[in-house]
Amino acid sequence: MTKRKSTIDERLAAVKEYTEAGKPYEQIARERGFSYRQVYEWVRKYRKFGIAGLEDRRGERKISQTPRSKEEELEKRIAELEHENHLLKLECELRKKVEELERGNR
């Protein structure tokens, strides 16, 4: 089975065939031209996150993604605060260096 790109509508249709029609993963994969693993993962992500779980989020920075769950929302907030903390530490160090240089020139 060769990999091919899929749209969110194709993924949702495959998931609905499994959840609503009760078709096995193997049959859905064969009929739609996807791998068993792809269909399995879409169903798993759909159950966990809903339709947002079917979005292709590869290549995106976590901080720029829309959170799919409360846990992801908290992870995003933690990343933002860690970045802000890093910038504040750099600013503090810079001020110390400037003060040192000013004292040395007097």
PDB file of N, CA and C in Angstrom:
ATOM      1  N   MET A   1       0.848  -1.177   0.000  1.00  0.00           N
ATOM      2  CA  MET A   1       0.000   0.000   0.000  1.00  0.00           C
ATOM      3  C   MET A   1       0.894   1.241   0.000  1.00  0.00           C
ATOM      4  N   THR A   2       0.700   2.114  -0.953  1.00  0.00           N
ATOM      5  CA  THR A   2       1.484   3.334  -1.013  1.00  0.00           C
ATOM      6  C   THR A   2       0.780   4.421  -0.217  1.00  0.00           C
ATOM      7  N   LYS A   3       1.562   5.298   0.351  1.00  0.00           N
ATOM      8  CA  LYS A   3       0.979   6.396   1.115  1.00  0.00           C
ATOM      9  C   LYS A   3       0.423   7.432   0.156  1.00  0.00           C
ATOM     10  N   ARG A   4      -0.694   7.994   0.531  1.00  0.00           N
ATOM     11  CA  ARG A   4      -1.245   9.088  -0.248  1.00  0.00           C
ATOM     12  C   ARG A   4      -1.836  10.101   0.708  1.00  0.00           C
ATOM     13  N   LYS A   5      -1.918  11.322   0.270  1.00  0.00           N
ATOM     14  CA  LYS A   5      -2.482  12.374   1.108  1.00  0.00           C
ATOM     15  C   LYS A   5      -3.976  12.174   1.219  1.00  0.00           C
ATOM     16  N   SER A   6      -4.507  12.590   2.345  1.00  0.00           N
ATOM     17  CA  SER A   6      -5.942  12.480   2.559  1.00  0.00           C
ATOM     18  C   SER A   6      -6.468  13.808   3.092  1.00  0.00           C
ATOM     19  N   THR A   7      -7.714  14.084   2.780  1.00  0.00           N
ATOM     20  CA  THR A   7      -8.349  15.293   3.304  1.00  0.00           C
ATOM     21  C   THR A   7      -9.029  14.949   4.614  1.00  0.00           C
ATOM     22  N   ILE A   8      -9.362  15.972   5.362  1.00  0.00           N
ATOM     23  CA  ILE A   8     -10.061  15.747   6.621  1.00  0.00           C
ATOM     24  C   ILE A   8     -11.427  15.109   6.367  1.00  0.00           C
ATOM     25  N   ASP A   9     -12.051  15.435   5.238  1.00  0.00           N
ATOM     26  CA  ASP A   9     -13.346  14.833   4.902  1.00  0.00           C
ATOM     27  C   ASP A   9     -13.201  13.329   4.641  1.00  0.00           C
ATOM     28  N   GLU A  10     -12.119  12.940   3.963  1.00  0.00           N
ATOM     29  CA  GLU A  10     -11.874  11.517   3.718  1.00  0.00           C
ATOM     30  C   GLU A  10     -11.625  10.774   5.027  1.00  0.00           C
ATOM     31  N   ARG A  11     -10.871  11.408   5.907  1.00  0.00           N
ATOM     32  CA  ARG A  11     -10.584  10.784   7.203  1.00  0.00           C
ATOM     33  C   ARG A  11     -11.860  10.618   8.016  1.00  0.00           C
ATOM     34  N   LEU A  12     -12.678  11.677   8.032  1.00  0.00           N
ATOM     35  CA  LEU A  12     -13.938  11.624   8.780  1.00  0.00           C
ATOM     36  C   LEU A  12     -14.871  10.562   8.205  1.00  0.00           C
ATOM     37  N   ALA A  13     -14.936  10.461   6.886  1.00  0.00           N
ATOM     38  CA  ALA A  13     -15.785   9.442   6.249  1.00  0.00           C
ATOM     39  C   ALA A  13     -15.318   8.036   6.632  1.00  0.00           C
ATOM     40  N   ALA A  14     -14.014   7.821   6.664  1.00  0.00           N
ATOM     41  CA  ALA A  14     -13.476   6.511   7.042  1.00  0.00           C
ATOM     42  C   ALA A  14     -13.809   6.195   8.496  1.00  0.00           C
ATOM     43  N   VAL A  15     -13.673   7.179   9.360  1.00  0.00           N
ATOM     44  CA  VAL A  15     -13.993   6.990  10.775  1.00  0.00           C
ATOM     45  C   VAL A  15     -15.473   6.666  10.954  1.00  0.00           C
ATOM     46  N   LYS A  16     -16.325   7.378  10.239  1.00  0.00           N
ATOM     47  CA  LYS A  16     -17.771   7.126  10.358  1.00  0.00           C
ATOM     48  C   LYS A  16     -18.146   5.742   9.848  1.00  0.00           C
ATOM     49  N   GLU A  17     -17.459   5.274   8.808  1.00  0.00           N
ATOM     50  CA  GLU A  17     -17.723   3.922   8.324  1.00  0.00           C
ATOM     51  C   GLU A  17     -17.427   2.906   9.420  1.00  0.00           C
ATOM     52  N   TYR A  18     -16.391   3.167  10.195  1.00  0.00           N
ATOM     53  CA  TYR A  18     -16.043   2.247  11.269  1.00  0.00           C
ATOM     54  C   TYR A  18     -17.021   2.381  12.439  1.00  0.00           C
ATOM     55  N   THR A  19     -17.252   3.631  12.885  1.00  0.00           N
ATOM     56  CA  THR A  19     -18.063   3.836  14.090  1.00  0.00           C
ATOM     57  C   THR A  19     -19.554   3.636  13.852  1.00  0.00           C
ATOM     58  N   GLU A  20     -20.050   4.054  12.710  1.00  0.00           N
ATOM     59  CA  GLU A  20     -21.493   3.985  12.461  1.00  0.00           C
ATOM     60  C   GLU A  20     -21.910   2.730  11.702  1.00  0.00           C
ATOM     61  N   ALA A  21     -21.127   2.350  10.695  1.00  0.00           N
ATOM     62  CA  ALA A  21     -21.499   1.196   9.875  1.00  0.00           C
ATOM     63  C   ALA A  21     -20.880  -0.100  10.402  1.00  0.00           C
ATOM     64  N   GLY A  22     -19.892   0.029  11.283  1.00  0.00           N
ATOM     65  CA  GLY A  22     -19.279  -1.150  11.870  1.00  0.00           C
ATOM     66  C   GLY A  22     -18.369  -1.933  10.942  1.00  0.00           C
ATOM     67  N   LYS A  23     -17.908  -1.288   9.875  1.00  0.00           N
ATOM     68  CA  LYS A  23     -16.979  -1.971   8.960  1.00  0.00           C
ATOM     69  C   LYS A  23     -15.634  -2.157   9.642  1.00  0.00           C
ATOM     70  N   PRO A  24     -14.941  -3.230   9.348  1.00  0.00           N
ATOM     71  CA  PRO A  24     -13.603  -3.437   9.918  1.00  0.00           C
ATOM     72  C   PRO A  24     -12.575  -2.497   9.269  1.00  0.00           C
ATOM     73  N   TYR A  25     -11.525  -2.207  10.029  1.00  0.00           N
ATOM     74  CA  TYR A  25     -10.469  -1.321   9.532  1.00  0.00           C
ATOM     75  C   TYR A  25      -9.929  -1.797   8.189  1.00  0.00           C
ATOM     76  N   GLU A  26      -9.686  -3.078   8.098  1.00  0.00           N
ATOM     77  CA  GLU A  26      -9.090  -3.657   6.897  1.00  0.00           C
ATOM     78  C   GLU A  26      -9.928  -3.369   5.653  1.00  0.00           C
ATOM     79  N   GLN A  27     -11.231  -3.537   5.772  1.00  0.00           N
ATOM     80  CA  GLN A  27     -12.123  -3.316   4.626  1.00  0.00           C
ATOM     81  C   GLN A  27     -12.149  -1.837   4.234  1.00  0.00           C
ATOM     82  N   ILE A  28     -12.236  -0.967   5.237  1.00  0.00           N
ATOM     83  CA  ILE A  28     -12.250   0.484   4.965  1.00  0.00           C
ATOM     84  C   ILE A  28     -10.957   0.892   4.271  1.00  0.00           C
ATOM     85  N   ALA A  29      -9.847   0.403   4.791  1.00  0.00           N
ATOM     86  CA  ALA A  29      -8.536   0.742   4.217  1.00  0.00           C
ATOM     87  C   ALA A  29      -8.443   0.285   2.770  1.00  0.00           C
ATOM     88  N   ARG A  30      -8.862  -0.931   2.511  1.00  0.00           N
ATOM     89  CA  ARG A  30      -8.776  -1.483   1.158  1.00  0.00           C
ATOM     90  C   ARG A  30      -9.676  -0.698   0.193  1.00  0.00           C
ATOM     91  N   GLU A  31     -10.909  -0.423   0.591  1.00  0.00           N
ATOM     92  CA  GLU A  31     -11.859   0.281  -0.278  1.00  0.00           C
ATOM     93  C   GLU A  31     -11.447   1.720  -0.562  1.00  0.00           C
ATOM     94  N   ARG A  32     -10.837   2.356   0.413  1.00  0.00           N
ATOM     95  CA  ARG A  32     -10.506   3.783   0.268  1.00  0.00           C
ATOM     96  C   ARG A  32      -9.057   4.032  -0.141  1.00  0.00           C
ATOM     97  N   GLY A  33      -8.240   2.996  -0.182  1.00  0.00           N
ATOM     98  CA  GLY A  33      -6.855   3.159  -0.625  1.00  0.00           C
ATOM     99  C   GLY A  33      -5.917   3.683   0.439  1.00  0.00           C
ATOM    100  N   PHE A  34      -6.218   3.401   1.698  1.00  0.00           N
ATOM    101  CA  PHE A  34      -5.348   3.797   2.802  1.00  0.00           C
ATOM    102  C   PHE A  34      -4.802   2.545   3.469  1.00  0.00           C
ATOM    103  N   SER A  35      -3.881   2.736   4.378  1.00  0.00           N
ATOM    104  CA  SER A  35      -3.360   1.584   5.113  1.00  0.00           C
ATOM    105  C   SER A  35      -4.242   1.318   6.332  1.00  0.00           C
ATOM    106  N   TYR A  36      -4.173   0.088   6.793  1.00  0.00           N
ATOM    107  CA  TYR A  36      -4.899  -0.317   8.000  1.00  0.00           C
ATOM    108  C   TYR A  36      -4.523   0.610   9.149  1.00  0.00           C
ATOM    109  N   ARG A  37      -3.231   0.874   9.282  1.00  0.00           N
ATOM    110  CA  ARG A  37      -2.714   1.693  10.391  1.00  0.00           C
ATOM    111  C   ARG A  37      -3.270   3.118  10.349  1.00  0.00           C
ATOM    112  N   GLN A  38      -3.383   3.689   9.141  1.00  0.00           N
ATOM    113  CA  GLN A  38      -3.929   5.042   9.032  1.00  0.00           C
ATOM    114  C   GLN A  38      -5.357   5.083   9.560  1.00  0.00           C
ATOM    115  N   VAL A  39      -6.169   4.152   9.104  1.00  0.00           N
ATOM    116  CA  VAL A  39      -7.570   4.132   9.527  1.00  0.00           C
ATOM    117  C   VAL A  39      -7.662   3.909  11.030  1.00  0.00           C
ATOM    118  N   TYR A  40      -6.866   2.993  11.548  1.00  0.00           N
ATOM    119  CA  TYR A  40      -6.846   2.716  12.982  1.00  0.00           C
ATOM    120  C   TYR A  40      -6.499   3.987  13.773  1.00  0.00           C
ATOM    121  N   GLU A  41      -5.466   4.705  13.341  1.00  0.00           N
ATOM    122  CA  GLU A  41      -5.030   5.921  14.028  1.00  0.00           C
ATOM    123  C   GLU A  41      -6.089   7.016  13.963  1.00  0.00           C
ATOM    124  N   TRP A  42      -6.754   7.156  12.815  1.00  0.00           N
ATOM    125  CA  TRP A  42      -7.804   8.174  12.697  1.00  0.00           C
ATOM    126  C   TRP A  42      -8.933   7.893  13.673  1.00  0.00           C
ATOM    127  N   VAL A  43      -9.323   6.650  13.792  1.00  0.00           N
ATOM    128  CA  VAL A  43     -10.404   6.285  14.728  1.00  0.00           C
ATOM    129  C   VAL A  43      -9.958   6.568  16.155  1.00  0.00           C
ATOM    130  N   ARG A  44      -8.725   6.184  16.478  1.00  0.00           N
ATOM    131  CA  ARG A  44      -8.208   6.410  17.829  1.00  0.00           C
ATOM    132  C   ARG A  44      -8.175   7.902  18.165  1.00  0.00           C
ATOM    133  N   LYS A  45      -7.673   8.716  17.237  1.00  0.00           N
ATOM    134  CA  LYS A  45      -7.581  10.152  17.478  1.00  0.00           C
ATOM    135  C   LYS A  45      -8.960  10.802  17.517  1.00  0.00           C
ATOM    136  N   TYR A  46      -9.869  10.320  16.701  1.00  0.00           N
ATOM    137  CA  TYR A  46     -11.234  10.853  16.694  1.00  0.00           C
ATOM    138  C   TYR A  46     -11.906  10.593  18.039  1.00  0.00           C
ATOM    139  N   ARG A  47     -11.702   9.403  18.580  1.00  0.00           N
ATOM    140  CA  ARG A  47     -12.290   9.073  19.887  1.00  0.00           C
ATOM    141  C   ARG A  47     -11.713   9.947  20.997  1.00  0.00           C
ATOM    142  N   LYS A  48     -10.448  10.262  20.879  1.00  0.00           N
ATOM    143  CA  LYS A  48      -9.784  11.035  21.932  1.00  0.00           C
ATOM    144  C   LYS A  48     -10.060  12.543  21.828  1.00  0.00           C
ATOM    145  N   PHE A  49     -10.011  13.091  20.590  1.00  0.00           N
ATOM    146  CA  PHE A  49     -10.083  14.541  20.407  1.00  0.00           C
ATOM    147  C   PHE A  49     -11.278  15.027  19.588  1.00  0.00           C
ATOM    148  N   GLY A  50     -12.065  14.112  19.051  1.00  0.00           N
ATOM    149  CA  GLY A  50     -13.150  14.527  18.165  1.00  0.00           C
ATOM    150  C   GLY A  50     -12.596  14.873  16.794  1.00  0.00           C
ATOM    151  N   ILE A  51     -13.323  15.699  16.061  1.00  0.00           N
ATOM    152  CA  ILE A  51     -12.912  16.028  14.690  1.00  0.00           C
ATOM    153  C   ILE A  51     -11.553  16.729  14.655  1.00  0.00           C
ATOM    154  N   ALA A  52     -11.200  17.443  15.721  1.00  0.00           N
ATOM    155  CA  ALA A  52      -9.896  18.117  15.773  1.00  0.00           C
ATOM    156  C   ALA A  52      -8.752  17.104  15.730  1.00  0.00           C
ATOM    157  N   GLY A  53      -9.005  15.883  16.152  1.00  0.00           N
ATOM    158  CA  GLY A  53      -7.986  14.850  16.123  1.00  0.00           C
ATOM    159  C   GLY A  53      -7.638  14.390  14.723  1.00  0.00           C
ATOM    160  N   LEU A  54      -8.488  14.714  13.757  1.00  0.00           N
ATOM    161  CA  LEU A  54      -8.253  14.292  12.378  1.00  0.00           C
ATOM    162  C   LEU A  54      -7.439  15.314  11.583  1.00  0.00           C
ATOM    163  N   GLU A  55      -7.140  16.458  12.184  1.00  0.00           N
ATOM    164  CA  GLU A  55      -6.343  17.482  11.500  1.00  0.00           C
ATOM    165  C   GLU A  55      -4.911  17.001  11.347  1.00  0.00           C
ATOM    166  N   ASP A  56      -4.295  17.348  10.242  1.00  0.00           N
ATOM    167  CA  ASP A  56      -2.888  17.023  10.015  1.00  0.00           C
ATOM    168  C   ASP A  56      -2.063  18.149  10.620  1.00  0.00           C
ATOM    169  N   ARG A  57      -1.412  17.869  11.729  1.00  0.00           N
ATOM    170  CA  ARG A  57      -0.674  18.903  12.447  1.00  0.00           C
ATOM    171  C   ARG A  57       0.825  18.718  12.359  1.00  0.00           C
ATOM    172  N   ARG A  58       1.271  17.887  11.442  1.00  0.00           N
ATOM    173  CA  ARG A  58       2.712  17.684  11.296  1.00  0.00           C
ATOM    174  C   ARG A  58       3.364  18.952  10.780  1.00  0.00           C
ATOM    175  N   GLY A  59       4.547  19.226  11.284  1.00  0.00           N
ATOM    176  CA  GLY A  59       5.321  20.371  10.811  1.00  0.00           C
ATOM    177  C   GLY A  59       4.928  21.689  11.444  1.00  0.00           C
ATOM    178  N   GLU A  60       3.965  21.676  12.350  1.00  0.00           N
ATOM    179  CA  GLU A  60       3.558  22.917  13.008  1.00  0.00           C
ATOM    180  C   GLU A  60       4.185  22.975  14.396  1.00  0.00           C
ATOM    181  N   ARG A  61       4.557  24.153  14.793  1.00  0.00           N
ATOM    182  CA  ARG A  61       5.069  24.325  16.150  1.00  0.00           C
ATOM    183  C   ARG A  61       3.929  24.170  17.128  1.00  0.00           C
ATOM    184  N   LYS A  62       4.170  23.489  18.204  1.00  0.00           N
ATOM    185  CA  LYS A  62       3.135  23.230  19.195  1.00  0.00           C
ATOM    186  C   LYS A  62       2.506  24.529  19.703  1.00  0.00           C
ATOM    187  N   ILE A  63       3.318  25.559  19.853  1.00  0.00           N
ATOM    188  CA  ILE A  63       2.815  26.817  20.398  1.00  0.00           C
ATOM    189  C   ILE A  63       1.828  27.505  19.460  1.00  0.00           C
ATOM    190  N   SER A  64       1.928  27.223  18.147  1.00  0.00           N
ATOM    191  CA  SER A  64       1.030  27.877  17.190  1.00  0.00           C
ATOM    192  C   SER A  64      -0.220  27.044  16.902  1.00  0.00           C
ATOM    193  N   GLN A  65      -0.292  25.840  17.467  1.00  0.00           N
ATOM    194  CA  GLN A  65      -1.439  24.968  17.216  1.00  0.00           C
ATOM    195  C   GLN A  65      -2.592  25.299  18.149  1.00  0.00           C
ATOM    196  N   THR A  66      -3.797  25.049  17.671  1.00  0.00           N
ATOM    197  CA  THR A  66      -4.977  25.197  18.504  1.00  0.00           C
ATOM    198  C   THR A  66      -5.075  23.964  19.388  1.00  0.00           C
ATOM    199  N   PRO A  67      -5.170  24.155  20.710  1.00  0.00           N
ATOM    200  CA  PRO A  67      -5.230  22.999  21.607  1.00  0.00           C
ATOM    201  C   PRO A  67      -6.479  22.153  21.343  1.00  0.00           C
ATOM    202  N   ARG A  68      -6.309  20.810  21.374  1.00  0.00           N
ATOM    203  CA  ARG A  68      -7.428  19.902  21.155  1.00  0.00           C
ATOM    204  C   ARG A  68      -8.029  19.425  22.465  1.00  0.00           C
ATOM    205  N   SER A  69      -7.300  19.588  23.565  1.00  0.00           N
ATOM    206  CA  SER A  69      -7.789  19.127  24.856  1.00  0.00           C
ATOM    207  C   SER A  69      -7.286  20.076  25.939  1.00  0.00           C
ATOM    208  N   LYS A  70      -7.820  19.913  27.124  1.00  0.00           N
ATOM    209  CA  LYS A  70      -7.397  20.733  28.263  1.00  0.00           C
ATOM    210  C   LYS A  70      -5.903  20.515  28.532  1.00  0.00           C
ATOM    211  N   GLU A  71      -5.456  19.266  28.386  1.00  0.00           N
ATOM    212  CA  GLU A  71      -4.048  18.948  28.601  1.00  0.00           C
ATOM    213  C   GLU A  71      -3.159  19.697  27.607  1.00  0.00           C
ATOM    214  N   GLU A  72      -3.544  19.698  26.339  1.00  0.00           N
ATOM    215  CA  GLU A  72      -2.756  20.425  25.331  1.00  0.00           C
ATOM    216  C   GLU A  72      -2.793  21.921  25.584  1.00  0.00           C
ATOM    217  N   GLU A  73      -3.924  22.415  26.067  1.00  0.00           N
ATOM    218  CA  GLU A  73      -4.036  23.840  26.378  1.00  0.00           C
ATOM    219  C   GLU A  73      -3.054  24.202  27.495  1.00  0.00           C
ATOM    220  N   LEU A  74      -2.964  23.346  28.507  1.00  0.00           N
ATOM    221  CA  LEU A  74      -2.034  23.590  29.608  1.00  0.00           C
ATOM    222  C   LEU A  74      -0.584  23.468  29.146  1.00  0.00           C
ATOM    223  N   GLU A  75      -0.288  22.494  28.285  1.00  0.00           N
ATOM    224  CA  GLU A  75       1.065  22.356  27.750  1.00  0.00           C
ATOM    225  C   GLU A  75       1.467  23.593  26.966  1.00  0.00           C
ATOM    226  N   LYS A  76       0.534  24.123  26.191  1.00  0.00           N
ATOM    227  CA  LYS A  76       0.812  25.324  25.403  1.00  0.00           C
ATOM    228  C   LYS A  76       1.095  26.507  26.331  1.00  0.00           C
ATOM    229  N   ARG A  77       0.287  26.635  27.381  1.00  0.00           N
ATOM    230  CA  ARG A  77       0.470  27.746  28.325  1.00  0.00           C
ATOM    231  C   ARG A  77       1.812  27.627  29.040  1.00  0.00           C
ATOM    232  N   ILE A  78       2.191  26.406  29.414  1.00  0.00           N
ATOM    233  CA  ILE A  78       3.483  26.184  30.067  1.00  0.00           C
ATOM    234  C   ILE A  78       4.615  26.581  29.134  1.00  0.00           C
ATOM    235  N   ALA A  79       4.520  26.209  27.868  1.00  0.00           N
ATOM    236  CA  ALA A  79       5.551  26.572  26.896  1.00  0.00           C
ATOM    237  C   ALA A  79       5.658  28.091  26.745  1.00  0.00           C
ATOM    238  N   GLU A  80       4.509  28.768  26.718  1.00  0.00           N
ATOM    239  CA  GLU A  80       4.513  30.233  26.617  1.00  0.00           C
ATOM    240  C   GLU A  80       5.190  30.857  27.831  1.00  0.00           C
ATOM    241  N   LEU A  81       4.857  30.351  29.032  1.00  0.00           N
ATOM    242  CA  LEU A  81       5.440  30.900  30.259  1.00  0.00           C
ATOM    243  C   LEU A  81       6.937  30.613  30.350  1.00  0.00           C
ATOM    244  N   GLU A  82       7.364  29.437  29.910  1.00  0.00           N
ATOM    245  CA  GLU A  82       8.792  29.119  29.912  1.00  0.00           C
ATOM    246  C   GLU A  82       9.558  30.040  28.970  1.00  0.00           C
ATOM    247  N   HIS A  83       8.967  30.335  27.819  1.00  0.00           N
ATOM    248  CA  HIS A  83       9.607  31.246  26.866  1.00  0.00           C
ATOM    249  C   HIS A  83       9.688  32.657  27.463  1.00  0.00           C
ATOM    250  N   GLU A  84       8.609  33.099  28.073  1.00  0.00           N
ATOM    251  CA  GLU A  84       8.592  34.423  28.696  1.00  0.00           C
ATOM    252  C   GLU A  84       9.632  34.497  29.819  1.00  0.00           C
ATOM    253  N   ASN A  85       9.740  33.445  30.605  1.00  0.00           N
ATOM    254  CA  ASN A  85      10.720  33.380  31.691  1.00  0.00           C
ATOM    255  C   ASN A  85      12.139  33.467  31.135  1.00  0.00           C
ATOM    256  N   HIS A  86      12.385  32.752  30.044  1.00  0.00           N
ATOM    257  CA  HIS A  86      13.704  32.784  29.402  1.00  0.00           C
ATOM    258  C   HIS A  86      14.062  34.204  28.956  1.00  0.00           C
ATOM    259  N   LEU A  87      13.112  34.885  28.331  1.00  0.00           N
ATOM    260  CA  LEU A  87      13.356  36.257  27.872  1.00  0.00           C
ATOM    261  C   LEU A  87      13.615  37.199  29.049  1.00  0.00           C
ATOM    262  N   LEU A  88      12.892  37.030  30.134  1.00  0.00           N
ATOM    263  CA  LEU A  88      13.091  37.881  31.311  1.00  0.00           C
ATOM    264  C   LEU A  88      14.471  37.641  31.941  1.00  0.00           C
ATOM    265  N   LYS A  89      14.920  36.381  31.953  1.00  0.00           N
ATOM    266  CA  LYS A  89      16.255  36.078  32.472  1.00  0.00           C
ATOM    267  C   LYS A  89      17.327  36.745  31.613  1.00  0.00           C
ATOM    268  N   LEU A  90      17.144  36.689  30.292  1.00  0.00           N
ATOM    269  CA  LEU A  90      18.102  37.340  29.390  1.00  0.00           C
ATOM    270  C   LEU A  90      18.135  38.847  29.627  1.00  0.00           C
ATOM    271  N   GLU A  91      16.962  39.437  29.796  1.00  0.00           N
ATOM    272  CA  GLU A  91      16.879  40.871  30.048  1.00  0.00           C
ATOM    273  C   GLU A  91      17.579  41.242  31.355  1.00  0.00           C
ATOM    274  N   CYS A  92      17.386  40.431  32.378  1.00  0.00           N
ATOM    275  CA  CYS A  92      18.015  40.678  33.677  1.00  0.00           C
ATOM    276  C   CYS A  92      19.540  40.609  33.559  1.00  0.00           C
ATOM    277  N   GLU A  93      20.038  39.606  32.862  1.00  0.00           N
ATOM    278  CA  GLU A  93      21.485  39.468  32.663  1.00  0.00           C
ATOM    279  C   GLU A  93      22.046  40.654  31.879  1.00  0.00           C
ATOM    280  N   LEU A  94      21.314  41.088  30.871  1.00  0.00           N
ATOM    281  CA  LEU A  94      21.754  42.233  30.076  1.00  0.00           C
ATOM    282  C   LEU A  94      21.847  43.489  30.940  1.00  0.00           C
ATOM    283  N   ARG A  95      20.860  43.706  31.782  1.00  0.00           N
ATOM    284  CA  ARG A  95      20.883  44.886  32.666  1.00  0.00           C
ATOM    285  C   ARG A  95      22.081  44.835  33.618  1.00  0.00           C
ATOM    286  N   LYS A  96      22.364  43.650  34.140  1.00  0.00           N
ATOM    287  CA  LYS A  96      23.519  43.504  35.034  1.00  0.00           C
ATOM    288  C   LYS A  96      24.808  43.867  34.304  1.00  0.00           C
ATOM    289  N   LYS A  97      24.954  43.409  33.072  1.00  0.00           N
ATOM    290  CA  LYS A  97      26.155  43.697  32.285  1.00  0.00           C
ATOM    291  C   LYS A  97      26.271  45.197  31.999  1.00  0.00           C
ATOM    292  N   VAL A  98      25.155  45.815  31.672  1.00  0.00           N
ATOM    293  CA  VAL A  98      25.165  47.259  31.391  1.00  0.00           C
ATOM    294  C   VAL A  98      25.570  48.026  32.647  1.00  0.00           C
ATOM    295  N   GLU A  99      25.024  47.646  33.802  1.00  0.00           N
ATOM    296  CA  GLU A  99      25.376  48.311  35.061  1.00  0.00           C
ATOM    297  C   GLU A  99      26.872  48.135  35.359  1.00  0.00           C
ATOM    298  N   GLU A 100      27.379  46.930  35.112  1.00  0.00           N
ATOM    299  CA  GLU A 100      28.825  46.681  35.325  1.00  0.00           C
ATOM    300  C   GLU A 100      29.651  47.586  34.444  1.00  0.00           C
ATOM    301  N   LEU A 101      29.288  47.687  33.192  1.00  0.00           N
ATOM    302  CA  LEU A 101      30.039  48.535  32.251  1.00  0.00           C
ATOM    303  C   LEU A 101      29.952  49.989  32.651  1.00  0.00           C
ATOM    304  N   GLU A 102      28.787  50.437  33.096  1.00  0.00           N
ATOM    305  CA  GLU A 102      28.643  51.836  33.518  1.00  0.00           C
ATOM    306  C   GLU A 102      29.486  52.121  34.752  1.00  0.00           C
ATOM    307  N   ARG A 103      29.544  51.190  35.692  1.00  0.00           N
ATOM    308  CA  ARG A 103      30.368  51.381  36.905  1.00  0.00           C
ATOM    309  C   ARG A 103      31.850  51.399  36.544  1.00  0.00           C
ATOM    310  N   GLY A 104      32.228  50.614  35.566  1.00  0.00           N
ATOM    311  CA  GLY A 104      33.638  50.545  35.157  1.00  0.00           C
ATOM    312  C   GLY A 104      34.099  51.815  34.455  1.00  0.00           C
ATOM    313  N   ASN A 105      33.203  52.567  33.819  1.00  0.00           N
ATOM    314  CA  ASN A 105      33.556  53.778  33.111  1.00  0.00           C
ATOM    315  C   ASN A 105      33.604  55.001  34.008  1.00  0.00           C
ATOM    316  N   ARG A 106      33.231  54.890  35.244  1.00  0.00           N
ATOM    317  CA  ARG A 106      33.229  56.068  36.143  1.00  0.00           C
ATOM    318  C   ARG A 106      34.520  56.255  36.834  1.00  0.00           C
TER     319      ARG A 106
END
